[in-house]
Protein backbone atom coordinates (compact mmCIF):
# COMPACT_ATOMS: atom_id res chain seq x y z
CA MET A 1 -35.88 21.75 -21.75
CA LYS A 2 -34.26 20.26 -18.47
CA PHE A 3 -31.61 22.38 -16.86
CA TRP A 4 -29.05 20.84 -14.58
CA PRO A 5 -28.17 22.57 -11.37
CA ALA A 6 -24.70 23.93 -11.68
CA THR A 7 -23.38 21.76 -8.74
CA LYS A 8 -24.73 18.44 -10.20
CA LEU A 9 -23.38 19.42 -13.65
CA PHE A 10 -19.94 20.15 -12.15
CA HIS A 11 -19.82 16.66 -10.34
CA PHE A 12 -21.05 14.91 -13.51
CA PHE A 13 -18.11 16.16 -15.41
CA SER A 14 -15.44 16.34 -12.66
CA ASN A 15 -14.66 12.58 -12.44
CA ASP A 16 -13.05 13.14 -8.93
CA LEU A 17 -10.51 10.55 -7.98
CA ALA A 18 -9.35 8.74 -4.79
CA ILE A 19 -5.86 7.43 -5.03
CA ASP A 20 -3.97 4.89 -3.08
CA LEU A 21 -0.38 5.78 -4.22
CA GLY A 22 1.38 2.79 -2.75
CA THR A 23 4.83 1.55 -2.88
CA ALA A 24 3.79 -1.76 -4.55
CA ASN A 25 0.50 -1.04 -6.09
CA THR A 26 -1.47 2.29 -7.18
CA VAL A 27 -5.31 1.86 -7.01
CA ILE A 28 -7.69 4.54 -8.34
CA TYR A 29 -11.30 4.91 -7.42
CA VAL A 30 -13.36 7.20 -9.69
CA ARG A 31 -16.44 8.94 -8.09
CA ASN A 32 -19.76 7.23 -8.78
CA LYS A 33 -17.83 4.35 -10.59
CA GLY A 34 -15.85 2.60 -8.12
CA VAL A 35 -12.28 1.07 -8.52
CA MET A 36 -11.26 1.56 -12.04
CA LEU A 37 -7.54 0.77 -11.89
CA ASN A 38 -5.24 -1.37 -9.82
CA GLN A 39 -1.67 -1.64 -11.10
CA PRO A 40 1.79 -2.16 -9.82
CA THR A 41 3.54 1.21 -9.01
CA VAL A 42 6.18 0.57 -11.76
CA VAL A 43 6.93 2.85 -14.76
CA ALA A 44 9.22 2.26 -17.83
CA ILE A 45 10.67 5.25 -19.70
CA LYS A 46 12.88 5.86 -22.68
CA ASN A 47 16.17 7.13 -21.40
CA SER A 48 16.88 9.58 -24.06
CA THR A 49 13.47 11.32 -24.23
CA ASN A 50 11.83 10.61 -20.77
CA GLU A 51 8.78 9.29 -22.83
CA VAL A 52 6.64 6.92 -20.74
CA LEU A 53 6.72 3.56 -22.63
CA ALA A 54 4.75 1.48 -20.06
CA ALA A 55 3.31 1.71 -16.55
CA GLY A 56 1.82 -0.77 -14.13
CA ASP A 57 1.65 -4.52 -15.13
CA ARG A 58 3.60 -4.13 -18.51
CA ALA A 59 6.43 -2.11 -16.82
CA LYS A 60 6.67 -4.57 -13.99
CA LYS A 61 7.49 -7.36 -16.44
CA MET A 62 10.32 -5.24 -17.60
CA LEU A 63 12.05 -4.87 -14.18
CA GLY A 64 15.56 -6.09 -14.24
CA LYS A 65 15.27 -7.04 -17.83
CA THR A 66 15.62 -3.77 -19.79
CA PRO A 67 18.52 -2.47 -22.15
CA GLU A 68 20.32 0.63 -21.45
CA SER A 69 17.97 2.72 -23.50
CA ILE A 70 15.05 1.90 -21.19
CA ILE A 71 14.68 2.64 -17.47
CA ALA A 72 12.06 0.57 -15.58
CA CYS A 73 11.84 1.43 -11.86
CA ARG A 74 9.50 1.83 -8.89
CA PRO A 75 9.23 5.64 -8.29
CA MET A 76 7.84 5.11 -4.79
CA ARG A 77 9.86 3.94 -1.76
CA ASP A 78 8.69 3.43 1.93
CA GLY A 79 5.39 5.00 0.86
CA VAL A 80 6.89 8.29 -0.31
CA ILE A 81 8.13 9.67 -3.56
CA ALA A 82 11.61 8.66 -4.60
CA ASN A 83 11.56 10.15 -8.20
CA PHE A 84 9.22 13.19 -8.54
CA GLN A 85 9.32 13.34 -12.34
CA LEU A 86 8.67 9.55 -12.88
CA THR A 87 5.77 9.57 -10.24
CA GLU A 88 4.21 12.51 -12.07
CA SER A 89 4.57 10.67 -15.51
CA MET A 90 3.13 7.55 -13.99
CA LEU A 91 0.14 9.30 -12.38
CA ARG A 92 -0.69 11.14 -15.67
CA TYR A 93 -0.53 7.79 -17.60
CA PHE A 94 -2.81 6.10 -15.08
CA ILE A 95 -5.34 9.02 -14.85
CA ARG A 96 -5.50 9.16 -18.76
CA ASP A 97 -6.19 5.26 -18.53
CA VAL A 98 -9.10 5.47 -16.18
CA HIS A 99 -10.56 8.34 -18.30
CA ASP A 100 -10.31 6.16 -21.54
CA ASN A 101 -7.67 8.59 -22.87
CA ARG A 102 -10.31 11.31 -23.00
CA LYS A 103 -9.52 14.80 -21.76
CA THR A 104 -12.14 15.79 -19.16
CA LEU A 105 -14.03 19.14 -19.22
CA VAL A 106 -13.10 19.74 -15.61
CA ARG A 107 -9.58 18.95 -13.80
CA PRO A 108 -10.58 16.62 -11.08
CA ARG A 109 -10.19 16.82 -7.34
CA MET A 110 -8.07 14.07 -5.82
CA ILE A 111 -7.73 12.54 -2.41
CA ILE A 112 -4.55 10.55 -1.95
CA GLY A 113 -3.58 8.22 0.95
CA VAL A 114 -0.36 9.06 2.63
CA PRO A 115 1.82 7.28 5.37
CA SER A 116 1.22 8.82 8.90
CA GLY A 117 4.88 9.22 9.45
CA ILE A 118 5.27 11.43 6.18
CA THR A 119 7.08 14.74 6.49
CA GLN A 120 5.64 17.99 5.25
CA VAL A 121 8.18 17.96 2.44
CA GLU A 122 7.24 14.49 1.33
CA LYS A 123 3.58 15.41 1.55
CA ARG A 124 4.23 18.48 -0.64
CA ALA A 125 5.98 16.38 -3.22
CA ILE A 126 2.93 14.15 -3.42
CA GLU A 127 0.43 17.07 -3.77
CA ASP A 128 2.64 18.78 -6.41
CA SER A 129 2.84 15.40 -8.42
CA ALA A 130 -0.91 15.13 -8.35
CA LYS A 131 -1.34 18.72 -9.45
CA GLN A 132 1.17 18.43 -12.20
CA ALA A 133 -0.64 15.26 -13.36
CA GLY A 134 -3.78 17.27 -13.83
CA SER A 135 -5.57 17.74 -10.43
CA ARG A 136 -7.09 21.16 -9.63
CA GLU A 137 -7.40 20.36 -5.95
CA VAL A 138 -5.53 17.89 -3.82
CA TYR A 139 -6.46 16.45 -0.28
CA THR A 140 -4.53 13.91 1.60
CA ILE A 141 -5.56 11.51 4.13
CA MET A 142 -3.55 9.32 6.56
CA GLU A 143 -3.53 5.68 5.16
CA PRO A 144 -4.63 3.98 8.47
CA MET A 145 -7.56 6.36 8.65
CA ALA A 146 -8.53 5.57 4.99
CA ALA A 147 -8.05 1.93 5.58
CA ALA A 148 -10.21 1.93 8.81
CA ILE A 149 -13.00 3.73 6.89
CA GLY A 150 -12.49 1.23 3.92
CA ALA A 151 -12.59 -1.83 6.32
CA GLY A 152 -15.90 -0.67 7.60
CA LEU A 153 -14.86 0.42 11.14
CA SER A 154 -17.27 3.02 12.83
CA VAL A 155 -14.54 5.74 13.05
CA GLU A 156 -17.15 8.41 13.70
CA GLU A 157 -18.09 6.75 17.05
CA PRO A 158 -16.62 7.67 20.40
CA THR A 159 -15.13 4.06 20.66
CA GLY A 160 -11.56 2.67 19.99
CA ASN A 161 -10.99 1.15 16.69
CA MET A 162 -7.50 -0.36 15.96
CA ILE A 163 -6.29 -0.87 12.34
CA VAL A 164 -2.96 -2.47 11.24
CA ASP A 165 -2.29 -1.54 7.57
CA ILE A 166 0.76 -3.37 6.22
CA GLY A 167 1.62 -2.02 2.86
CA GLY A 168 4.57 -2.48 0.60
CA GLY A 169 6.76 0.20 2.06
CA THR A 170 5.29 0.99 5.44
CA THR A 171 3.17 -0.51 8.32
CA GLU A 172 0.80 1.79 9.97
CA VAL A 173 -0.69 0.81 13.36
CA ALA A 174 -3.40 3.31 14.50
CA ILE A 175 -6.09 3.66 17.21
CA ILE A 176 -8.95 5.83 15.98
CA SER A 177 -11.81 7.56 17.56
CA LEU A 178 -14.19 10.34 16.59
CA LYS A 179 -12.90 10.57 13.05
CA ASP A 180 -9.42 11.33 14.12
CA VAL A 181 -6.19 9.37 15.02
CA VAL A 182 -5.65 8.94 18.77
CA TYR A 183 -2.25 7.30 18.32
CA CYS A 184 -0.34 6.12 15.43
CA LYS A 185 2.90 4.16 14.88
CA SER A 186 4.47 4.13 11.50
CA VAL A 187 7.43 1.77 10.81
CA ARG A 188 9.13 1.76 7.27
CA VAL A 189 8.87 -2.08 7.12
CA GLY A 190 6.32 -3.71 4.88
CA GLY A 191 6.09 -6.23 1.95
CA ASP A 192 9.38 -4.85 0.38
CA GLU A 193 11.26 -5.36 3.49
CA MET A 194 10.00 -8.91 3.68
CA ASP A 195 11.14 -9.45 0.04
CA ALA A 196 14.59 -8.11 0.73
CA ALA A 197 14.91 -10.26 3.77
CA ILE A 198 14.30 -13.28 1.59
CA VAL A 199 16.76 -12.12 -0.92
CA GLN A 200 19.53 -11.85 1.75
CA TYR A 201 18.65 -15.15 3.45
CA VAL A 202 19.00 -17.13 0.04
CA LYS A 203 22.18 -15.13 -0.83
CA ARG A 204 23.71 -15.86 2.65
CA LYS A 205 22.61 -19.53 2.96
CA TYR A 206 22.96 -20.72 -0.66
CA ASN A 207 25.22 -18.25 -2.29
CA LEU A 208 22.39 -17.58 -4.92
CA LEU A 209 21.27 -14.30 -6.08
CA ILE A 210 17.52 -13.85 -6.91
CA GLY A 211 15.47 -10.97 -7.84
CA GLU A 212 12.89 -8.99 -6.07
CA ARG A 213 9.98 -10.44 -8.20
CA THR A 214 11.16 -14.07 -7.32
CA ALA A 215 11.46 -13.11 -3.62
CA GLU A 216 7.82 -11.72 -3.82
CA LEU A 217 6.59 -14.94 -5.32
CA ILE A 218 8.31 -17.06 -2.72
CA LYS A 219 6.63 -14.89 0.09
CA ILE A 220 3.17 -15.20 -1.52
CA ASN A 221 3.40 -19.08 -2.23
CA ILE A 222 5.20 -20.35 0.95
CA GLY A 223 5.70 -17.47 3.19
CA THR A 224 4.37 -17.69 6.76
CA ALA A 225 4.41 -15.96 10.01
CA MET A 226 3.89 -19.14 12.05
CA LEU A 227 4.99 -22.71 11.32
CA THR A 228 2.41 -25.52 11.22
CA GLU A 229 2.88 -29.31 10.84
CA GLU A 230 2.15 -29.20 7.10
CA SER A 231 5.45 -28.21 5.25
CA VAL A 232 5.57 -26.86 1.76
CA LYS A 233 8.36 -26.27 -0.63
CA GLN A 234 9.15 -24.34 -3.75
CA GLU A 235 11.86 -24.51 -6.42
CA VAL A 236 13.71 -21.18 -6.73
CA LYS A 237 15.94 -20.29 -9.64
CA GLY A 238 18.77 -17.57 -9.53
CA ARG A 239 22.45 -17.03 -10.31
CA ASP A 240 25.10 -18.96 -8.42
CA LEU A 241 27.51 -16.27 -6.93
CA ILE A 242 30.45 -18.64 -6.94
CA THR A 243 30.31 -20.18 -10.44
CA GLY A 244 28.28 -17.38 -12.00
CA VAL A 245 25.88 -19.86 -13.78
CA PRO A 246 22.08 -20.31 -13.23
CA LYS A 247 21.11 -22.67 -10.61
CA THR A 248 17.97 -24.11 -8.97
CA ILE A 249 17.31 -24.89 -5.23
CA THR A 250 14.49 -26.07 -3.22
CA LEU A 251 13.35 -23.76 -0.48
CA SER A 252 11.01 -24.73 2.35
CA ASP A 253 8.36 -22.69 4.30
CA ALA A 254 10.44 -23.12 7.45
CA GLU A 255 13.44 -21.32 5.75
CA VAL A 256 11.19 -18.50 4.67
CA PHE A 257 9.73 -18.31 8.15
CA GLU A 258 13.35 -17.71 9.38
CA ALA A 259 13.97 -15.10 6.85
CA LEU A 260 10.82 -13.19 7.81
CA THR A 261 11.49 -13.38 11.52
CA GLU A 262 13.08 -9.88 11.61
CA PRO A 263 10.62 -7.87 9.69
CA ILE A 264 7.59 -9.47 11.35
CA SER A 265 8.95 -8.74 14.83
CA VAL A 266 9.28 -4.98 13.94
CA ILE A 267 5.44 -5.11 13.06
CA ILE A 268 4.56 -6.95 16.27
CA ASP A 269 6.69 -4.38 18.17
CA ALA A 270 4.65 -1.51 16.59
CA VAL A 271 1.53 -3.20 17.56
CA HIS A 272 2.50 -3.53 21.10
CA SER A 273 3.66 0.15 21.11
CA ALA A 274 0.15 1.32 20.03
CA LEU A 275 -1.56 -0.77 22.74
CA GLU A 276 0.77 0.52 25.34
CA ASN A 277 -0.06 4.05 24.40
CA ALA A 278 -3.92 3.65 24.13
CA PRO A 279 -5.89 5.65 26.67
CA PRO A 280 -7.44 3.09 29.20
CA GLU A 281 -11.10 3.69 28.05
CA LEU A 282 -10.18 2.91 24.39
CA SER A 283 -8.09 -0.03 25.54
CA SER A 284 -11.38 -1.44 27.07
CA ASP A 285 -13.05 -1.13 23.69
CA LEU A 286 -10.26 -3.03 21.96
CA VAL A 287 -10.96 -6.04 24.21
CA ASP A 288 -14.31 -6.45 22.54
CA ARG A 289 -13.71 -4.95 19.08
CA GLY A 290 -10.29 -6.55 18.45
CA ILE A 291 -7.85 -5.45 15.74
CA MET A 292 -8.52 -5.05 12.03
CA MET A 293 -5.77 -5.91 9.44
CA SER A 294 -5.47 -4.57 5.98
CA GLY A 295 -3.01 -3.98 3.16
CA GLY A 296 -1.26 -6.65 1.15
CA GLY A 297 0.86 -7.73 4.07
CA ALA A 298 -2.18 -8.76 5.89
CA LEU A 299 -2.45 -11.74 3.51
CA LEU A 300 0.81 -13.27 4.76
CA LYS A 301 -0.16 -16.60 6.05
CA ASN A 302 -0.78 -16.78 9.96
CA LEU A 303 0.16 -13.25 10.52
CA ASP A 304 -3.46 -12.68 11.88
CA ILE A 305 -3.07 -15.64 14.13
CA LEU A 306 0.49 -14.62 15.49
CA ILE A 307 -0.71 -11.06 16.28
CA SER A 308 -3.73 -12.41 18.07
CA LYS A 309 -1.37 -14.64 20.03
CA GLU A 310 1.00 -12.02 20.95
CA THR A 311 -1.68 -9.56 22.09
CA GLY A 312 -4.43 -11.72 23.27
CA LEU A 313 -6.93 -9.72 21.16
CA PRO A 314 -9.18 -10.98 18.43
CA VAL A 315 -7.72 -10.13 15.10
CA LYS A 316 -9.66 -9.93 11.77
CA VAL A 317 -8.41 -9.47 8.18
CA ALA A 318 -10.53 -6.95 6.23
CA GLN A 319 -12.62 -8.29 3.37
CA ASP A 320 -10.64 -6.56 0.69
CA PRO A 321 -7.42 -5.86 2.35
CA LEU A 322 -5.65 -4.60 -0.70
CA LEU A 323 -8.37 -2.06 -1.59
CA CYS A 324 -9.13 -0.86 1.97
CA VAL A 325 -7.18 2.40 1.64
CA VAL A 326 -8.60 3.44 -1.74
CA LEU A 327 -12.24 2.37 -0.81
CA GLY A 328 -11.95 4.50 2.40
CA ALA A 329 -10.61 7.51 0.48
CA GLY A 330 -13.38 6.98 -2.20
CA LYS A 331 -16.00 7.09 0.64
CA VAL A 332 -14.41 10.32 2.08
CA LEU A 333 -14.65 11.70 -1.48
CA ASP A 334 -18.34 10.80 -1.71
CA GLU A 335 -19.03 12.26 1.67
CA LEU A 336 -16.45 15.11 2.01
CA ASP A 337 -18.39 17.33 4.34
CA PHE A 338 -18.93 14.68 6.75
CA PHE A 339 -15.27 13.28 6.68
CA ARG A 340 -13.56 16.56 6.52
CA ASP A 341 -12.21 16.27 10.00
CA ALA A 342 -10.65 12.82 8.96
CA LEU A 343 -8.38 14.48 6.26
CA SER A 344 -4.74 15.17 6.97
CA LYS A 345 -3.99 18.56 8.61
């Protein structure tokens, strides 16, 4: 009869998890299995009993369309927990989903990506949520560090690596060397702020009220950080604020560019701030290595070209920008002893 060593048996049953608990999306990596879940960070509960009716895609479809008996909301704002109970319920729902609704023999360890500008109170809230959702041990890692590892940057080398991680709630700009962050600038501007800017622009210019989901689709379809000769347009439906009836308008990429100018300028300022505070030796590395972009915001059309133009450095978008944080956290999970210095203190 073959006997498994205790450590191997423990890892076989533990199903340790790496989690990118993002403002827009929650992504879960299961050890030895890869990315098993990628769902919107949205939960729908029954008002009277707090029972979770849906989470992820199903709950997102309910946003702004629920009766009084059901609450559909996003429990994360600006990369941190806005509603502790709903975050815990959503995490429990997702964890049960990746484990095929089976109870595991051992409570898993978890590594969770957190914004670099997070306070100790906000960090404790995330750790407590994970423990309440079934974790026995919780580690946190700064999102830019996890994103850099996930993007394939050699963070363990004594050279400068620069990452710009644009998420739903925050943008993290970090310079990394020797498995630690040399300088980091975190601004609470990301995909959500861009969506809100589009909502306000359409409201101000056309007296038309549109929802967050509509604004997000506008950003994805015709949003741009730099105008080109080729112009694109999209029909937009909403409620006329004067007459109160539904109305359709046609929005151009030039108008969306105008709406996004302010949030994009905040991101550019954060990049400049990081470069100004980089030690001279690391700055020289960045001339050759350039800047890596990750996160959903990195997919905004021409944003990489704009950052390259503003900084004079080569800019590259990661291969899987939406998955960089969770893939990096998963790699840390697989090689915990090697990457222990990279974890949040």
